[in-house]
Full PDB file with SEQRES, HELIX, SHEET, SSBOND, CRYST1, ORIGX, SCALE, CONECT and MASTER records, all heavy atoms in Angstrom:
SEQRES   1 A   30  SER ASP GLY VAL ILE ARG GLY LEU ILE TYR ALA PRO LEU          
SEQRES   2 A   30  ALA SER TYR ALA ARG GLU VAL HIS ALA LEU THR ALA THR          
SEQRES   3 A   30  VAL HIS ARG ARG                                              
HELIX    1 AA1 TYR A   10  HIS A   21  1                                  12    
CRYST1    1.000    1.000    1.000  90.00  90.00  90.00 P 1           1          
ORIGX1      1.000000  0.000000  0.000000        0.00000                         
ORIGX2      0.000000  1.000000  0.000000        0.00000                         
ORIGX3      0.000000  0.000000  1.000000        0.00000                         
SCALE1      1.000000  0.000000  0.000000        0.00000                         
SCALE2      0.000000  1.000000  0.000000        0.00000                         
SCALE3      0.000000  0.000000  1.000000        0.00000                         
ATOM      1  N   SER A   1     -65.318 164.068-165.174  1.00  0.00           N  
ATOM      2  CA  SER A   1     -65.358 165.403-164.573  1.00  0.00           C  
ATOM      3  C   SER A   1     -66.148 165.423-163.267  1.00  0.00           C  
ATOM      4  O   SER A   1     -65.898 166.254-162.392  1.00  0.00           O  
ATOM      5  CB  SER A   1     -65.961 166.408-165.558  1.00  0.00           C  
ATOM      6  OG  SER A   1     -67.269 166.000-165.941  1.00  0.00           O  
ATOM      7  N   ASP A   2     -67.082 164.474-163.122  1.00  0.00           N  
ATOM      8  CA  ASP A   2     -67.857 164.413-161.882  1.00  0.00           C  
ATOM      9  C   ASP A   2     -67.257 163.457-160.863  1.00  0.00           C  
ATOM     10  O   ASP A   2     -67.883 163.136-159.856  1.00  0.00           O  
ATOM     11  CB  ASP A   2     -69.308 164.017-162.171  1.00  0.00           C  
ATOM     12  CG  ASP A   2     -69.414 162.690-162.923  1.00  0.00           C  
ATOM     13  OD1 ASP A   2     -68.352 162.101-163.243  1.00  0.00           O  
ATOM     14  OD2 ASP A   2     -70.542 162.257-163.196  1.00  0.00           O  
ATOM     15  N   GLY A   3     -66.015 163.012-161.137  1.00  0.00           N  
ATOM     16  CA  GLY A   3     -65.296 162.190-160.170  1.00  0.00           C  
ATOM     17  C   GLY A   3     -65.513 160.698-160.284  1.00  0.00           C  
ATOM     18  O   GLY A   3     -64.961 159.929-159.477  1.00  0.00           O  
ATOM     19  N   VAL A   4     -66.273 160.231-161.276  1.00  0.00           N  
ATOM     20  CA  VAL A   4     -66.506 158.800-161.453  1.00  0.00           C  
ATOM     21  C   VAL A   4     -65.219 158.138-161.952  1.00  0.00           C  
ATOM     22  O   VAL A   4     -64.600 158.593-162.916  1.00  0.00           O  
ATOM     23  CB  VAL A   4     -67.656 158.542-162.440  1.00  0.00           C  
ATOM     24  CG1 VAL A   4     -67.802 157.047-162.724  1.00  0.00           C  
ATOM     25  CG2 VAL A   4     -68.953 159.100-161.882  1.00  0.00           C  
ATOM     26  N   ILE A   5     -64.808 157.062-161.278  1.00  0.00           N  
ATOM     27  CA  ILE A   5     -63.587 156.335-161.625  1.00  0.00           C  
ATOM     28  C   ILE A   5     -63.930 155.236-162.614  1.00  0.00           C  
ATOM     29  O   ILE A   5     -64.870 154.459-162.399  1.00  0.00           O  
ATOM     30  CB  ILE A   5     -62.953 155.726-160.360  1.00  0.00           C  
ATOM     31  CG1 ILE A   5     -62.547 156.831-159.383  1.00  0.00           C  
ATOM     32  CG2 ILE A   5     -61.755 154.852-160.723  1.00  0.00           C  
ATOM     33  CD1 ILE A   5     -62.235 156.325-157.984  1.00  0.00           C  
ATOM     34  N   ARG A   6     -63.164 155.164-163.702  1.00  0.00           N  
ATOM     35  CA  ARG A   6     -63.380 154.123-164.702  1.00  0.00           C  
ATOM     36  C   ARG A   6     -62.079 153.355-164.928  1.00  0.00           C  
ATOM     37  O   ARG A   6     -61.016 153.919-164.996  1.00  0.00           O  
ATOM     38  CB  ARG A   6     -63.882 154.736-166.011  1.00  0.00           C  
ATOM     39  CG  ARG A   6     -65.190 155.507-165.850  1.00  0.00           C  
ATOM     40  CD  ARG A   6     -65.805 155.902-167.175  1.00  0.00           C  
ATOM     41  NE  ARG A   6     -66.992 156.726-166.975  1.00  0.00           N  
ATOM     42  CZ  ARG A   6     -68.195 156.256-166.687  1.00  0.00           C  
ATOM     43  NH1 ARG A   6     -68.375 154.956-166.563  1.00  0.00           N  
ATOM     44  NH2 ARG A   6     -69.230 157.075-166.518  1.00  0.00           N  
ATOM     45  N   GLY A   7     -62.181 152.075-165.115  1.00  0.00           N  
ATOM     46  CA  GLY A   7     -61.049 151.188-165.295  1.00  0.00           C  
ATOM     47  C   GLY A   7     -61.201 149.999-164.357  1.00  0.00           C  
ATOM     48  O   GLY A   7     -62.120 149.983-163.553  1.00  0.00           O  
ATOM     49  N   LEU A   8     -60.399 149.056-164.537  1.00  0.00           N  
ATOM     50  CA  LEU A   8     -59.087 148.979-165.135  1.00  0.00           C  
ATOM     51  C   LEU A   8     -59.181 148.614-166.618  1.00  0.00           C  
ATOM     52  O   LEU A   8     -59.932 147.723-166.992  1.00  0.00           O  
ATOM     53  CB  LEU A   8     -58.277 147.934-164.370  1.00  0.00           C  
ATOM     54  CG  LEU A   8     -56.843 147.730-164.762  1.00  0.00           C  
ATOM     55  CD1 LEU A   8     -55.971 148.911-164.413  1.00  0.00           C  
ATOM     56  CD2 LEU A   8     -56.313 146.461-164.127  1.00  0.00           C  
ATOM     57  N   ILE A   9     -58.364 149.274-167.458  1.00  0.00           N  
ATOM     58  CA  ILE A   9     -58.325 149.022-168.881  1.00  0.00           C  
ATOM     59  C   ILE A   9     -57.034 148.265-169.189  1.00  0.00           C  
ATOM     60  O   ILE A   9     -55.935 148.686-168.811  1.00  0.00           O  
ATOM     61  CB  ILE A   9     -58.402 150.343-169.664  1.00  0.00           C  
ATOM     62  CG1 ILE A   9     -59.669 151.106-169.243  1.00  0.00           C  
ATOM     63  CG2 ILE A   9     -58.426 150.059-171.162  1.00  0.00           C  
ATOM     64  CD1 ILE A   9     -59.727 152.526-169.735  1.00  0.00           C  
ATOM     65  N   TYR A  10     -57.178 147.124-169.883  1.00  0.00           N  
ATOM     66  CA  TYR A  10     -56.069 146.176-169.984  1.00  0.00           C  
ATOM     67  C   TYR A  10     -54.850 146.676-170.746  1.00  0.00           C  
ATOM     68  O   TYR A  10     -53.712 146.492-170.306  1.00  0.00           O  
ATOM     69  CB  TYR A  10     -56.560 144.896-170.658  1.00  0.00           C  
ATOM     70  CG  TYR A  10     -57.489 144.043-169.840  1.00  0.00           C  
ATOM     71  CD1 TYR A  10     -58.108 142.938-170.426  1.00  0.00           C  
ATOM     72  CD2 TYR A  10     -57.766 144.310-168.503  1.00  0.00           C  
ATOM     73  CE1 TYR A  10     -58.967 142.128-169.702  1.00  0.00           C  
ATOM     74  CE2 TYR A  10     -58.623 143.509-167.782  1.00  0.00           C  
ATOM     75  CZ  TYR A  10     -59.221 142.414-168.376  1.00  0.00           C  
ATOM     76  OH  TYR A  10     -60.062 141.617-167.674  1.00  0.00           O  
ATOM     77  N   ALA A  11     -55.053 147.246-171.936  1.00  0.00           N  
ATOM     78  CA  ALA A  11     -53.904 147.573-172.786  1.00  0.00           C  
ATOM     79  C   ALA A  11     -52.945 148.555-172.120  1.00  0.00           C  
ATOM     80  O   ALA A  11     -51.729 148.313-172.095  1.00  0.00           O  
ATOM     81  CB  ALA A  11     -54.368 148.095-174.138  1.00  0.00           C  
ATOM     82  N   PRO A  12     -53.414 149.669-171.560  1.00  0.00           N  
ATOM     83  CA  PRO A  12     -52.464 150.554-170.873  1.00  0.00           C  
ATOM     84  C   PRO A  12     -51.875 149.943-169.616  1.00  0.00           C  
ATOM     85  O   PRO A  12     -50.732 150.238-169.249  1.00  0.00           O  
ATOM     86  CB  PRO A  12     -53.291 151.806-170.564  1.00  0.00           C  
ATOM     87  CG  PRO A  12     -54.711 151.404-170.715  1.00  0.00           C  
ATOM     88  CD  PRO A  12     -54.746 150.288-171.697  1.00  0.00           C  
ATOM     89  N   LEU A  13     -52.616 149.064-168.950  1.00  0.00           N  
ATOM     90  CA  LEU A  13     -52.037 148.351-167.809  1.00  0.00           C  
ATOM     91  C   LEU A  13     -50.850 147.513-168.257  1.00  0.00           C  
ATOM     92  O   LEU A  13     -49.784 147.517-167.620  1.00  0.00           O  
ATOM     93  CB  LEU A  13     -53.074 147.452-167.147  1.00  0.00           C  
ATOM     94  CG  LEU A  13     -52.475 146.436-166.178  1.00  0.00           C  
ATOM     95  CD1 LEU A  13     -51.973 147.121-164.922  1.00  0.00           C  
ATOM     96  CD2 LEU A  13     -53.440 145.323-165.856  1.00  0.00           C  
ATOM     97  N   ALA A  14     -51.016 146.779-169.377  1.00  0.00           N  
ATOM     98  CA  ALA A  14     -49.925 145.940-169.865  1.00  0.00           C  
ATOM     99  C   ALA A  14     -48.710 146.787-170.244  1.00  0.00           C  
ATOM    100  O   ALA A  14     -47.562 146.417-169.954  1.00  0.00           O  
ATOM    101  CB  ALA A  14     -50.403 145.119-171.062  1.00  0.00           C  
ATOM    102  N   SER A  15     -48.952 147.931-170.866  1.00  0.00           N  
ATOM    103  CA  SER A  15     -47.836 148.823-171.204  1.00  0.00           C  
ATOM    104  C   SER A  15     -47.129 149.307-169.940  1.00  0.00           C  
ATOM    105  O   SER A  15     -45.894 149.353-169.889  1.00  0.00           O  
ATOM    106  CB  SER A  15     -48.355 150.020-171.998  1.00  0.00           C  
ATOM    107  OG  SER A  15     -48.877 149.616-173.240  1.00  0.00           O  
ATOM    108  N   TYR A  16     -47.886 149.669-168.948  1.00  0.00           N  
ATOM    109  CA  TYR A  16     -47.311 150.115-167.672  1.00  0.00           C  
ATOM    110  C   TYR A  16     -46.471 149.008-167.041  1.00  0.00           C  
ATOM    111  O   TYR A  16     -45.328 149.249-166.598  1.00  0.00           O  
ATOM    112  CB  TYR A  16     -48.442 150.537-166.747  1.00  0.00           C  
ATOM    113  CG  TYR A  16     -48.043 150.825-165.326  1.00  0.00           C  
ATOM    114  CD1 TYR A  16     -47.046 151.740-165.021  1.00  0.00           C  
ATOM    115  CD2 TYR A  16     -48.699 150.189-164.266  1.00  0.00           C  
ATOM    116  CE1 TYR A  16     -46.689 152.001-163.701  1.00  0.00           C  
ATOM    117  CE2 TYR A  16     -48.354 150.450-162.952  1.00  0.00           C  
ATOM    118  CZ  TYR A  16     -47.350 151.353-162.670  1.00  0.00           C  
ATOM    119  OH  TYR A  16     -47.005 151.611-161.365  1.00  0.00           O  
ATOM    120  N   ALA A  17     -46.991 147.776-167.017  1.00  0.00           N  
ATOM    121  CA  ALA A  17     -46.255 146.667-166.421  1.00  0.00           C  
ATOM    122  C   ALA A  17     -44.948 146.406-167.143  1.00  0.00           C  
ATOM    123  O   ALA A  17     -43.907 146.152-166.521  1.00  0.00           O  
ATOM    124  CB  ALA A  17     -47.125 145.406-166.415  1.00  0.00           C  
ATOM    125  N   ARG A  18     -44.971 146.508-168.484  1.00  0.00           N  
ATOM    126  CA  ARG A  18     -43.757 146.256-169.265  1.00  0.00           C  
ATOM    127  C   ARG A  18     -42.750 147.377-169.118  1.00  0.00           C  
ATOM    128  O   ARG A  18     -41.554 147.147-168.863  1.00  0.00           O  
ATOM    129  CB  ARG A  18     -44.123 146.082-170.741  1.00  0.00           C  
ATOM    130  CG  ARG A  18     -44.810 144.785-171.088  1.00  0.00           C  
ATOM    131  CD  ARG A  18     -44.845 144.577-172.598  1.00  0.00           C  
ATOM    132  NE  ARG A  18     -45.601 145.626-173.260  1.00  0.00           N  
ATOM    133  CZ  ARG A  18     -46.878 145.512-173.617  1.00  0.00           C  
ATOM    134  NH1 ARG A  18     -47.544 144.415-173.343  1.00  0.00           N  
ATOM    135  NH2 ARG A  18     -47.495 146.496-174.240  1.00  0.00           N  
ATOM    136  N   GLU A  19     -43.206 148.609-169.307  1.00  0.00           N  
ATOM    137  CA  GLU A  19     -42.285 149.729-169.457  1.00  0.00           C  
ATOM    138  C   GLU A  19     -41.763 150.256-168.130  1.00  0.00           C  
ATOM    139  O   GLU A  19     -40.649 150.791-168.070  1.00  0.00           O  
ATOM    140  CB  GLU A  19     -42.967 150.840-170.248  1.00  0.00           C  
ATOM    141  CG  GLU A  19     -43.277 150.416-171.679  1.00  0.00           C  
ATOM    142  CD  GLU A  19     -44.118 151.433-172.424  1.00  0.00           C  
ATOM    143  OE1 GLU A  19     -44.194 152.601-171.968  1.00  0.00           O  
ATOM    144  OE2 GLU A  19     -44.708 151.060-173.462  1.00  0.00           O  
ATOM    145  N   VAL A  20     -42.525 150.117-167.074  1.00  0.00           N  
ATOM    146  CA  VAL A  20     -42.097 150.628-165.768  1.00  0.00           C  
ATOM    147  C   VAL A  20     -41.562 149.515-164.880  1.00  0.00           C  
ATOM    148  O   VAL A  20     -40.565 149.691-164.181  1.00  0.00           O  
ATOM    149  CB  VAL A  20     -43.260 151.366-165.070  1.00  0.00           C  
ATOM    150  CG1 VAL A  20     -42.860 151.808-163.663  1.00  0.00           C  
ATOM    151  CG2 VAL A  20     -43.692 152.576-165.904  1.00  0.00           C  
ATOM    152  N   HIS A  21     -42.203 148.344-164.919  1.00  0.00           N  
ATOM    153  CA  HIS A  21     -41.830 147.270-163.991  1.00  0.00           C  
ATOM    154  C   HIS A  21     -41.113 146.109-164.671  1.00  0.00           C  
ATOM    155  O   HIS A  21     -40.753 145.138-164.006  1.00  0.00           O  
ATOM    156  CB  HIS A  21     -43.071 146.775-163.256  1.00  0.00           C  
ATOM    157  CG  HIS A  21     -43.726 147.841-162.432  1.00  0.00           C  
ATOM    158  ND1 HIS A  21     -43.156 148.342-161.280  1.00  0.00           N  
ATOM    159  CD2 HIS A  21     -44.873 148.540-162.622  1.00  0.00           C  
ATOM    160  CE1 HIS A  21     -43.929 149.280-160.777  1.00  0.00           C  
ATOM    161  NE2 HIS A  21     -44.971 149.431-161.570  1.00  0.00           N  
ATOM    162  N   ALA A  22     -40.880 146.211-165.985  1.00  0.00           N  
ATOM    163  CA  ALA A  22     -40.096 145.225-166.743  1.00  0.00           C  
ATOM    164  C   ALA A  22     -40.693 143.827-166.681  1.00  0.00           C  
ATOM    165  O   ALA A  22     -39.981 142.839-166.846  1.00  0.00           O  
ATOM    166  CB  ALA A  22     -38.639 145.204-166.267  1.00  0.00           C  
ATOM    167  N   LEU A  23     -41.987 143.721-166.431  1.00  0.00           N  
ATOM    168  CA  LEU A  23     -42.663 142.436-166.556  1.00  0.00           C  
ATOM    169  C   LEU A  23     -43.038 142.214-168.015  1.00  0.00           C  
ATOM    170  O   LEU A  23     -43.363 143.159-168.734  1.00  0.00           O  
ATOM    171  CB  LEU A  23     -43.952 142.419-165.734  1.00  0.00           C  
ATOM    172  CG  LEU A  23     -43.873 142.329-164.220  1.00  0.00           C  
ATOM    173  CD1 LEU A  23     -45.280 142.305-163.637  1.00  0.00           C  
ATOM    174  CD2 LEU A  23     -43.112 141.086-163.778  1.00  0.00           C  
ATOM    175  N   THR A  24     -43.014 140.970-168.462  1.00  0.00           N  
ATOM    176  CA  THR A  24     -43.666 140.679-169.719  1.00  0.00           C  
ATOM    177  C   THR A  24     -45.170 140.629-169.442  1.00  0.00           C  
ATOM    178  O   THR A  24     -45.605 140.084-168.432  1.00  0.00           O  
ATOM    179  CB  THR A  24     -43.174 139.347-170.309  1.00  0.00           C  
ATOM    180  OG1 THR A  24     -43.425 138.295-169.382  1.00  0.00           O  
ATOM    181  CG2 THR A  24     -41.685 139.418-170.612  1.00  0.00           C  
ATOM    182  N   ALA A  25     -45.953 141.225-170.309  1.00  0.00           N  
ATOM    183  CA  ALA A  25     -47.392 141.312-170.084  1.00  0.00           C  
ATOM    184  C   ALA A  25     -48.110 141.202-171.417  1.00  0.00           C  
ATOM    185  O   ALA A  25     -47.756 141.881-172.379  1.00  0.00           O  
ATOM    186  CB  ALA A  25     -47.745 142.640-169.413  1.00  0.00           C  
ATOM    187  N   THR A  26     -49.110 140.336-171.472  1.00  0.00           N  
ATOM    188  CA  THR A  26     -49.870 140.100-172.693  1.00  0.00           C  
ATOM    189  C   THR A  26     -51.356 140.198-172.395  1.00  0.00           C  
ATOM    190  O   THR A  26     -51.847 139.558-171.461  1.00  0.00           O  
ATOM    191  CB  THR A  26     -49.555 138.701-173.273  1.00  0.00           C  
ATOM    192  OG1 THR A  26     -48.151 138.597-173.514  1.00  0.00           O  
ATOM    193  CG2 THR A  26     -50.309 138.477-174.576  1.00  0.00           C  
ATOM    194  N   VAL A  27     -52.059 140.995-173.189  1.00  0.00           N  
ATOM    195  CA  VAL A  27     -53.512 141.102-173.069  1.00  0.00           C  
ATOM    196  C   VAL A  27     -54.150 139.929-173.808  1.00  0.00           C  
ATOM    197  O   VAL A  27     -53.799 139.647-174.953  1.00  0.00           O  
ATOM    198  CB  VAL A  27     -54.013 142.433-173.664  1.00  0.00           C  
ATOM    199  CG1 VAL A  27     -55.545 142.483-173.668  1.00  0.00           C  
ATOM    200  CG2 VAL A  27     -53.446 143.606-172.882  1.00  0.00           C  
ATOM    201  N   HIS A  28     -55.079 139.257-173.150  1.00  0.00           N  
ATOM    202  CA  HIS A  28     -55.823 138.152-173.752  1.00  0.00           C  
ATOM    203  C   HIS A  28     -57.284 138.578-173.841  1.00  0.00           C  
ATOM    204  O   HIS A  28     -58.040 138.462-172.873  1.00  0.00           O  
ATOM    205  CB  HIS A  28     -55.680 136.881-172.919  1.00  0.00           C  
ATOM    206  CG  HIS A  28     -54.266 136.435-172.749  1.00  0.00           C  
ATOM    207  ND1 HIS A  28     -53.608 135.642-173.673  1.00  0.00           N  
ATOM    208  CD2 HIS A  28     -53.363 136.705-171.765  1.00  0.00           C  
ATOM    209  CE1 HIS A  28     -52.361 135.426-173.257  1.00  0.00           C  
ATOM    210  NE2 HIS A  28     -52.201 136.056-172.111  1.00  0.00           N  
ATOM    211  N   ARG A  29     -57.652 139.075-175.015  1.00  0.00           N  
ATOM    212  CA  ARG A  29     -59.019 139.559-175.196  1.00  0.00           C  
ATOM    213  C   ARG A  29     -60.017 138.415-175.164  1.00  0.00           C  
ATOM    214  O   ARG A  29     -61.155 138.571-174.718  1.00  0.00           O  
ATOM    215  CB  ARG A  29     -59.111 140.317-176.523  1.00  0.00           C  
ATOM    216  CG  ARG A  29     -60.385 141.096-176.728  1.00  0.00           C  
ATOM    217  CD  ARG A  29     -60.227 142.054-177.893  1.00  0.00           C  
ATOM    218  NE  ARG A  29     -61.434 142.865-178.077  1.00  0.00           N  
ATOM    219  CZ  ARG A  29     -62.352 142.621-178.992  1.00  0.00           C  
ATOM    220  NH1 ARG A  29     -62.212 141.568-179.798  1.00  0.00           N  
ATOM    221  NH2 ARG A  29     -63.411 143.398-179.113  1.00  0.00           N  
ATOM    222  N   ARG A  30     -59.590 137.251-175.624  1.00  0.00           N  
ATOM    223  CA  ARG A  30     -60.370 136.022-175.514  1.00  0.00           C  
ATOM    224  C   ARG A  30     -59.458 134.949-174.943  1.00  0.00           C  
ATOM    225  O   ARG A  30     -58.395 134.683-175.494  1.00  0.00           O  
ATOM    226  CB  ARG A  30     -60.923 135.606-176.875  1.00  0.00           C  
ATOM    227  CG  ARG A  30     -61.940 136.587-177.443  1.00  0.00           C  
ATOM    228  CD  ARG A  30     -62.480 136.124-178.792  1.00  0.00           C  
ATOM    229  NE  ARG A  30     -63.458 137.073-179.320  1.00  0.00           N  
ATOM    230  CZ  ARG A  30     -63.150 138.145-180.022  1.00  0.00           C  
ATOM    231  NH1 ARG A  30     -61.871 138.423-180.275  1.00  0.00           N  
ATOM    232  NH2 ARG A  30     -64.095 138.960-180.455  1.00  0.00           N  
TER     233      ARG A  30                                                      
MASTER        0    0    0    1    0    0    0    6  232    1    0    3          
END                                                                             
């Protein structure tokens, strides 16, 4: 609410890459 930007968060990024840009994308937590 005070305008602080947070991210990048991996899981939604991977979903975005797959569903919008048709890339295969895998999150590697380790």
